[in-house]
Amino acid sequence: MHRLMVFPFAYLASATADATPDDAGARLVESPLSSANLIETGLGLAFVLAVMLAIAWLVKRYGQVPGIGKGQVQILGGVSLGAREKAVLLSVEGRRLLVGVAPGRVQTLADLGESAVTERSFAEQLDTVTASPREGST
């Protein structure tokens, strides 16, 4: 096993000993600050950043976790009323509530009663769209 560890060093020593003065230019190491190295590094960095941005966009676009927003409390909408105040429309167990939200305070502004809109499944919505005649077609 000791011979296996020594072999790479012996090979490198023999390679440098066999070199002629004409090979001196071939043995020079390219500068890490050369324009080719800087361009290669910059392109690699740009590629990695592009991949990261693409993954972030895909997660944001398609990374919806099932079950979130399908609980007992859903946020139906909201509007900013000032620098730190908002009015938020909530659906809680089928009832709609208008709530005022301020720093350190949440207050019910109005109880709007039962939700008039019922959620339909995707299959029901698809059936509705495909069953209706299309406008403008002959």
N, C-alpha and C. Protein backbone atom coordinates (compact mmCIF):
# COMPACT_ATOMS: atom_id res chain seq x y z
N MET A 1 0.83 -1.19 0.00
CA MET A 1 0.00 0.00 0.00
C MET A 1 0.88 1.25 0.00
N HIS A 2 2.02 1.16 0.65
CA HIS A 2 2.93 2.29 0.71
C HIS A 2 3.41 2.64 -0.70
N ARG A 3 3.60 1.64 -1.54
CA ARG A 3 4.04 1.88 -2.92
C ARG A 3 3.00 2.64 -3.72
N LEU A 4 1.73 2.36 -3.46
CA LEU A 4 0.66 3.06 -4.18
C LEU A 4 0.63 4.54 -3.84
N MET A 5 0.99 4.88 -2.63
CA MET A 5 0.97 6.29 -2.23
C MET A 5 2.18 7.03 -2.79
N VAL A 6 3.28 6.36 -2.97
CA VAL A 6 4.49 6.99 -3.46
C VAL A 6 4.47 7.12 -4.99
N PHE A 7 3.73 6.27 -5.67
CA PHE A 7 3.75 6.22 -7.13
C PHE A 7 3.42 7.57 -7.78
N PRO A 8 2.37 8.30 -7.38
CA PRO A 8 2.09 9.58 -8.06
C PRO A 8 3.23 10.57 -7.92
N PHE A 9 3.86 10.61 -6.76
CA PHE A 9 4.96 11.56 -6.56
C PHE A 9 6.19 11.17 -7.40
N ALA A 10 6.46 9.87 -7.50
CA ALA A 10 7.58 9.40 -8.32
C ALA A 10 7.34 9.70 -9.79
N TYR A 11 6.10 9.54 -10.23
CA TYR A 11 5.77 9.82 -11.62
C TYR A 11 5.97 11.30 -11.94
N LEU A 12 5.53 12.17 -11.06
CA LEU A 12 5.69 13.61 -11.27
C LEU A 12 7.17 14.00 -11.28
N ALA A 13 7.95 13.40 -10.40
CA ALA A 13 9.38 13.71 -10.35
C ALA A 13 10.07 13.28 -11.63
N SER A 14 9.72 12.10 -12.16
CA SER A 14 10.35 11.64 -13.40
C SER A 14 9.90 12.47 -14.59
N ALA A 15 8.67 12.95 -14.58
CA ALA A 15 8.17 13.77 -15.69
C ALA A 15 8.91 15.10 -15.73
N THR A 16 9.19 15.69 -14.59
CA THR A 16 9.90 16.97 -14.58
C THR A 16 11.38 16.77 -14.88
N ALA A 17 11.94 15.62 -14.51
CA ALA A 17 13.36 15.37 -14.78
C ALA A 17 13.60 15.14 -16.26
N ASP A 18 12.63 14.58 -16.98
CA ASP A 18 12.78 14.30 -18.40
C ASP A 18 12.53 15.52 -19.27
N ALA A 19 12.04 16.59 -18.70
CA ALA A 19 11.69 17.77 -19.50
C ALA A 19 12.94 18.46 -20.00
N THR A 20 12.87 18.95 -21.21
CA THR A 20 13.97 19.68 -21.82
C THR A 20 13.74 21.17 -21.63
N PRO A 21 14.73 21.99 -21.84
CA PRO A 21 14.54 23.43 -21.69
C PRO A 21 13.48 23.98 -22.65
N ASP A 22 13.24 23.29 -23.79
CA ASP A 22 12.22 23.75 -24.73
C ASP A 22 10.81 23.55 -24.16
N ASP A 23 10.65 22.60 -23.23
CA ASP A 23 9.34 22.32 -22.64
C ASP A 23 9.02 23.27 -21.48
N ALA A 24 9.89 24.19 -21.20
CA ALA A 24 9.68 25.10 -20.06
C ALA A 24 8.40 25.90 -20.25
N GLY A 25 8.10 26.30 -21.47
CA GLY A 25 6.87 27.06 -21.72
C GLY A 25 5.64 26.22 -21.50
N ALA A 26 5.72 24.91 -21.78
CA ALA A 26 4.59 24.03 -21.58
C ALA A 26 4.33 23.79 -20.10
N ARG A 27 5.38 23.90 -19.28
CA ARG A 27 5.21 23.65 -17.86
C ARG A 27 4.69 24.86 -17.09
N LEU A 28 4.66 26.03 -17.71
CA LEU A 28 4.18 27.22 -17.01
C LEU A 28 2.69 27.10 -16.74
N VAL A 29 2.29 27.53 -15.59
CA VAL A 29 0.90 27.47 -15.20
C VAL A 29 0.22 28.77 -15.64
N GLU A 30 -0.97 28.61 -16.18
CA GLU A 30 -1.72 29.78 -16.64
C GLU A 30 -2.15 30.62 -15.44
N SER A 31 -2.12 31.92 -15.57
CA SER A 31 -2.48 32.82 -14.49
C SER A 31 -3.96 32.69 -14.16
N PRO A 32 -4.32 32.65 -12.87
CA PRO A 32 -5.74 32.57 -12.51
C PRO A 32 -6.49 33.85 -12.84
N LEU A 33 -5.79 34.94 -13.09
CA LEU A 33 -6.45 36.20 -13.42
C LEU A 33 -6.45 36.49 -14.91
N SER A 34 -6.21 35.48 -15.71
CA SER A 34 -6.25 35.69 -17.16
C SER A 34 -7.68 35.93 -17.60
N SER A 35 -7.84 36.57 -18.73
CA SER A 35 -9.18 36.91 -19.21
C SER A 35 -10.00 35.65 -19.48
N ALA A 36 -9.39 34.60 -19.96
CA ALA A 36 -10.13 33.36 -20.23
C ALA A 36 -10.69 32.76 -18.94
N ASN A 37 -9.86 32.75 -17.89
CA ASN A 37 -10.34 32.22 -16.60
C ASN A 37 -11.43 33.09 -16.01
N LEU A 38 -11.30 34.41 -16.12
CA LEU A 38 -12.32 35.31 -15.58
C LEU A 38 -13.63 35.16 -16.34
N ILE A 39 -13.56 35.02 -17.66
CA ILE A 39 -14.79 34.84 -18.45
C ILE A 39 -15.44 33.51 -18.11
N GLU A 40 -14.64 32.46 -17.99
CA GLU A 40 -15.18 31.14 -17.65
C GLU A 40 -15.84 31.17 -16.26
N THR A 41 -15.21 31.83 -15.31
CA THR A 41 -15.78 31.93 -13.96
C THR A 41 -17.07 32.75 -13.98
N GLY A 42 -17.07 33.85 -14.71
CA GLY A 42 -18.27 34.68 -14.80
C GLY A 42 -19.43 33.95 -15.45
N LEU A 43 -19.15 33.21 -16.52
CA LEU A 43 -20.22 32.45 -17.17
C LEU A 43 -20.75 31.34 -16.26
N GLY A 44 -19.85 30.71 -15.53
CA GLY A 44 -20.29 29.69 -14.58
C GLY A 44 -21.17 30.27 -13.48
N LEU A 45 -20.78 31.43 -12.99
CA LEU A 45 -21.58 32.10 -11.96
C LEU A 45 -22.94 32.50 -12.51
N ALA A 46 -22.97 33.04 -13.71
CA ALA A 46 -24.25 33.43 -14.33
C ALA A 46 -25.14 32.21 -14.53
N PHE A 47 -24.57 31.09 -14.92
CA PHE A 47 -25.36 29.87 -15.12
C PHE A 47 -25.94 29.39 -13.79
N VAL A 48 -25.14 29.39 -12.73
CA VAL A 48 -25.62 28.93 -11.42
C VAL A 48 -26.73 29.85 -10.91
N LEU A 49 -26.56 31.15 -11.08
CA LEU A 49 -27.61 32.10 -10.65
C LEU A 49 -28.89 31.91 -11.45
N ALA A 50 -28.76 31.67 -12.75
CA ALA A 50 -29.94 31.44 -13.59
C ALA A 50 -30.68 30.18 -13.16
N VAL A 51 -29.94 29.13 -12.83
CA VAL A 51 -30.57 27.90 -12.37
C VAL A 51 -31.28 28.13 -11.04
N MET A 52 -30.65 28.88 -10.15
CA MET A 52 -31.28 29.16 -8.85
C MET A 52 -32.55 29.98 -9.02
N LEU A 53 -32.52 30.99 -9.88
CA LEU A 53 -33.72 31.80 -10.12
C LEU A 53 -34.82 30.97 -10.76
N ALA A 54 -34.46 30.09 -11.68
CA ALA A 54 -35.46 29.23 -12.32
C ALA A 54 -36.10 28.29 -11.30
N ILE A 55 -35.30 27.73 -10.41
CA ILE A 55 -35.85 26.85 -9.38
C ILE A 55 -36.76 27.63 -8.44
N ALA A 56 -36.36 28.84 -8.06
CA ALA A 56 -37.20 29.67 -7.18
C ALA A 56 -38.52 30.00 -7.85
N TRP A 57 -38.48 30.32 -9.15
CA TRP A 57 -39.71 30.63 -9.88
C TRP A 57 -40.61 29.40 -9.96
N LEU A 58 -40.03 28.23 -10.23
CA LEU A 58 -40.82 27.01 -10.32
C LEU A 58 -41.47 26.66 -8.98
N VAL A 59 -40.72 26.84 -7.90
CA VAL A 59 -41.28 26.55 -6.58
C VAL A 59 -42.42 27.51 -6.27
N LYS A 60 -42.23 28.78 -6.61
CA LYS A 60 -43.28 29.76 -6.36
C LYS A 60 -44.51 29.49 -7.23
N ARG A 61 -44.28 29.09 -8.46
CA ARG A 61 -45.38 28.87 -9.40
C ARG A 61 -46.12 27.57 -9.15
N TYR A 62 -45.38 26.48 -8.95
CA TYR A 62 -45.99 25.16 -8.87
C TYR A 62 -45.84 24.49 -7.51
N GLY A 63 -45.21 25.14 -6.56
CA GLY A 63 -44.92 24.50 -5.28
C GLY A 63 -46.00 24.67 -4.24
N GLN A 64 -47.26 24.68 -4.64
CA GLN A 64 -48.33 24.81 -3.68
C GLN A 64 -48.42 23.55 -2.83
N VAL A 65 -48.40 23.73 -1.53
CA VAL A 65 -48.49 22.60 -0.61
C VAL A 65 -49.96 22.25 -0.45
N PRO A 66 -50.33 21.01 -0.72
CA PRO A 66 -51.74 20.63 -0.57
C PRO A 66 -52.21 20.80 0.86
N GLY A 67 -53.41 21.32 1.00
CA GLY A 67 -53.99 21.46 2.32
C GLY A 67 -53.86 22.85 2.91
N ILE A 68 -52.91 23.65 2.42
CA ILE A 68 -52.78 25.01 2.94
C ILE A 68 -53.89 25.86 2.32
N GLY A 69 -54.58 26.60 3.14
CA GLY A 69 -55.68 27.44 2.67
C GLY A 69 -56.98 26.67 2.57
N LYS A 70 -56.99 25.39 2.92
CA LYS A 70 -58.21 24.60 2.84
C LYS A 70 -58.72 24.27 4.24
N GLY A 71 -58.24 24.98 5.23
CA GLY A 71 -58.64 24.69 6.61
C GLY A 71 -59.94 25.40 6.96
N GLN A 72 -60.14 25.60 8.23
CA GLN A 72 -61.36 26.23 8.73
C GLN A 72 -61.39 27.73 8.44
N VAL A 73 -60.22 28.36 8.41
CA VAL A 73 -60.14 29.80 8.18
C VAL A 73 -59.42 30.05 6.86
N GLN A 74 -60.08 30.80 5.98
CA GLN A 74 -59.48 31.14 4.69
C GLN A 74 -59.52 32.66 4.53
N ILE A 75 -58.46 33.21 3.94
CA ILE A 75 -58.42 34.64 3.64
C ILE A 75 -58.99 34.82 2.24
N LEU A 76 -60.10 35.52 2.12
CA LEU A 76 -60.74 35.74 0.82
C LEU A 76 -60.20 36.98 0.12
N GLY A 77 -59.73 37.94 0.89
CA GLY A 77 -59.18 39.16 0.29
C GLY A 77 -58.81 40.15 1.37
N GLY A 78 -58.20 41.23 0.94
CA GLY A 78 -57.79 42.25 1.89
C GLY A 78 -57.45 43.54 1.19
N VAL A 79 -57.49 44.63 1.95
CA VAL A 79 -57.16 45.94 1.40
C VAL A 79 -56.42 46.74 2.47
N SER A 80 -55.42 47.49 2.05
CA SER A 80 -54.66 48.31 2.98
C SER A 80 -55.43 49.60 3.22
N LEU A 81 -55.57 49.97 4.49
CA LEU A 81 -56.30 51.19 4.85
C LEU A 81 -55.37 52.31 5.28
N GLY A 82 -54.15 52.01 5.51
CA GLY A 82 -53.17 53.00 5.95
C GLY A 82 -51.80 52.37 5.93
N ALA A 83 -50.89 53.04 6.63
CA ALA A 83 -49.51 52.56 6.65
C ALA A 83 -49.41 51.18 7.29
N ARG A 84 -50.18 50.93 8.35
CA ARG A 84 -50.07 49.66 9.05
C ARG A 84 -51.43 49.06 9.37
N GLU A 85 -52.48 49.53 8.73
CA GLU A 85 -53.82 49.01 8.97
C GLU A 85 -54.36 48.34 7.72
N LYS A 86 -55.10 47.24 7.92
CA LYS A 86 -55.69 46.51 6.80
C LYS A 86 -57.09 46.06 7.18
N ALA A 87 -57.93 45.89 6.16
CA ALA A 87 -59.22 45.24 6.33
C ALA A 87 -59.12 43.92 5.57
N VAL A 88 -59.47 42.82 6.24
CA VAL A 88 -59.32 41.49 5.67
C VAL A 88 -60.66 40.79 5.71
N LEU A 89 -61.04 40.18 4.58
CA LEU A 89 -62.26 39.39 4.49
C LEU A 89 -61.90 37.93 4.70
N LEU A 90 -62.49 37.32 5.74
CA LEU A 90 -62.20 35.94 6.10
C LEU A 90 -63.43 35.07 5.90
N SER A 91 -63.19 33.80 5.64
CA SER A 91 -64.25 32.81 5.63
C SER A 91 -63.94 31.83 6.73
N VAL A 92 -64.84 31.75 7.73
CA VAL A 92 -64.65 30.88 8.87
C VAL A 92 -65.85 29.95 8.95
N GLU A 93 -65.62 28.67 8.65
CA GLU A 93 -66.67 27.65 8.68
C GLU A 93 -67.90 28.09 7.89
N GLY A 94 -67.69 28.66 6.73
CA GLY A 94 -68.80 29.05 5.85
C GLY A 94 -69.34 30.45 6.10
N ARG A 95 -68.92 31.11 7.14
CA ARG A 95 -69.37 32.48 7.42
C ARG A 95 -68.29 33.45 6.98
N ARG A 96 -68.71 34.60 6.47
CA ARG A 96 -67.77 35.63 6.04
C ARG A 96 -67.68 36.71 7.11
N LEU A 97 -66.45 37.05 7.48
CA LEU A 97 -66.20 38.08 8.49
C LEU A 97 -65.27 39.13 7.91
N LEU A 98 -65.58 40.41 8.16
CA LEU A 98 -64.69 41.50 7.81
C LEU A 98 -63.96 41.89 9.08
N VAL A 99 -62.63 41.83 9.03
CA VAL A 99 -61.80 42.02 10.21
C VAL A 99 -60.84 43.18 9.96
N GLY A 100 -60.68 44.04 10.96
CA GLY A 100 -59.69 45.10 10.90
C GLY A 100 -58.42 44.65 11.61
N VAL A 101 -57.29 44.83 10.93
CA VAL A 101 -56.01 44.39 11.49
C VAL A 101 -55.11 45.61 11.62
N ALA A 102 -54.62 45.85 12.83
CA ALA A 102 -53.68 46.93 13.12
C ALA A 102 -52.58 46.35 14.01
N PRO A 103 -51.48 47.06 14.17
CA PRO A 103 -50.41 46.53 15.02
C PRO A 103 -50.91 46.23 16.43
N GLY A 104 -50.83 44.98 16.84
CA GLY A 104 -51.23 44.59 18.17
C GLY A 104 -52.72 44.49 18.38
N ARG A 105 -53.53 44.54 17.30
CA ARG A 105 -54.98 44.54 17.48
C ARG A 105 -55.67 43.96 16.26
N VAL A 106 -56.63 43.07 16.49
CA VAL A 106 -57.50 42.51 15.45
C VAL A 106 -58.92 42.66 15.95
N GLN A 107 -59.79 43.28 15.14
CA GLN A 107 -61.16 43.55 15.57
C GLN A 107 -62.13 43.18 14.47
N THR A 108 -63.24 42.51 14.83
CA THR A 108 -64.28 42.18 13.86
C THR A 108 -65.04 43.45 13.53
N LEU A 109 -65.08 43.80 12.24
CA LEU A 109 -65.80 44.99 11.78
C LEU A 109 -67.23 44.66 11.38
N ALA A 110 -67.43 43.51 10.74
CA ALA A 110 -68.78 43.13 10.31
C ALA A 110 -68.84 41.62 10.12
N ASP A 111 -70.04 41.08 10.43
CA ASP A 111 -70.32 39.67 10.15
C ASP A 111 -71.23 39.66 8.93
N LEU A 112 -70.72 39.18 7.81
CA LEU A 112 -71.45 39.24 6.55
C LEU A 112 -72.32 38.02 6.31
N GLY A 113 -72.44 37.14 7.27
CA GLY A 113 -73.34 35.99 7.16
C GLY A 113 -72.72 34.84 6.39
N GLU A 114 -73.62 33.96 5.95
CA GLU A 114 -73.19 32.76 5.24
C GLU A 114 -72.59 33.12 3.89
N SER A 115 -71.63 32.33 3.49
CA SER A 115 -70.98 32.53 2.20
C SER A 115 -71.95 32.13 1.09
N ALA A 116 -72.20 33.03 0.16
CA ALA A 116 -73.12 32.76 -0.94
C ALA A 116 -72.45 31.93 -2.03
N VAL A 117 -71.15 31.99 -2.10
CA VAL A 117 -70.41 31.28 -3.13
C VAL A 117 -70.00 29.92 -2.58
N THR A 118 -70.34 28.87 -3.30
CA THR A 118 -69.91 27.54 -2.91
C THR A 118 -68.74 27.13 -3.79
N GLU A 119 -67.78 26.50 -3.18
CA GLU A 119 -66.61 26.06 -3.95
C GLU A 119 -66.97 24.81 -4.72
N ARG A 120 -66.62 24.84 -6.01
CA ARG A 120 -66.85 23.68 -6.85
C ARG A 120 -65.51 23.01 -7.11
N SER A 121 -65.56 21.72 -7.32
CA SER A 121 -64.32 21.00 -7.60
C SER A 121 -63.86 21.33 -9.01
N PHE A 122 -62.63 21.00 -9.30
CA PHE A 122 -62.08 21.25 -10.62
C PHE A 122 -62.87 20.50 -11.69
N ALA A 123 -63.27 19.28 -11.39
CA ALA A 123 -64.02 18.48 -12.36
C ALA A 123 -65.36 19.15 -12.70
N GLU A 124 -66.04 19.70 -11.68
CA GLU A 124 -67.31 20.39 -11.93
C GLU A 124 -67.09 21.64 -12.77
N GLN A 125 -66.05 22.41 -12.48
CA GLN A 125 -65.76 23.60 -13.26
C GLN A 125 -65.41 23.24 -14.69
N LEU A 126 -64.66 22.16 -14.89
CA LEU A 126 -64.29 21.71 -16.23
C LEU A 126 -65.53 21.28 -17.00
N ASP A 127 -66.44 20.56 -16.35
CA ASP A 127 -67.68 20.15 -17.01
C ASP A 127 -68.50 21.35 -17.43
N THR A 128 -68.55 22.39 -16.61
CA THR A 128 -69.30 23.59 -16.93
C THR A 128 -68.71 24.29 -18.14
N VAL A 129 -67.41 24.40 -18.18
CA VAL A 129 -66.74 25.09 -19.29
C VAL A 129 -66.88 24.31 -20.59
N THR A 130 -66.71 23.01 -20.54
CA THR A 130 -66.76 22.22 -21.77
C THR A 130 -68.18 22.01 -22.27
N ALA A 131 -69.18 22.09 -21.39
CA ALA A 131 -70.57 21.89 -21.81
C ALA A 131 -71.16 23.13 -22.45
N SER A 132 -70.67 24.31 -22.09
CA SER A 132 -71.26 25.53 -22.64
C SER A 132 -70.77 25.75 -24.07
N PRO A 133 -71.66 26.24 -24.95
CA PRO A 133 -71.23 26.51 -26.34
C PRO A 133 -70.25 27.66 -26.37
N ARG A 134 -69.27 27.54 -27.22
CA ARG A 134 -68.25 28.59 -27.32
C ARG A 134 -68.76 29.73 -28.17
N GLU A 135 -68.47 30.93 -27.71
CA GLU A 135 -68.87 32.13 -28.47
C GLU A 135 -67.94 32.33 -29.65
N GLY A 136 -68.49 32.72 -30.76
CA GLY A 136 -67.69 33.05 -31.92
C GLY A 136 -67.34 31.87 -32.79
N SER A 137 -67.75 30.65 -32.41
CA SER A 137 -67.43 29.50 -33.25
C SER A 137 -68.60 29.23 -34.17
N THR A 138 -68.34 28.71 -35.35
CA THR A 138 -69.41 28.45 -36.32
C THR A 138 -69.61 26.99 -36.54
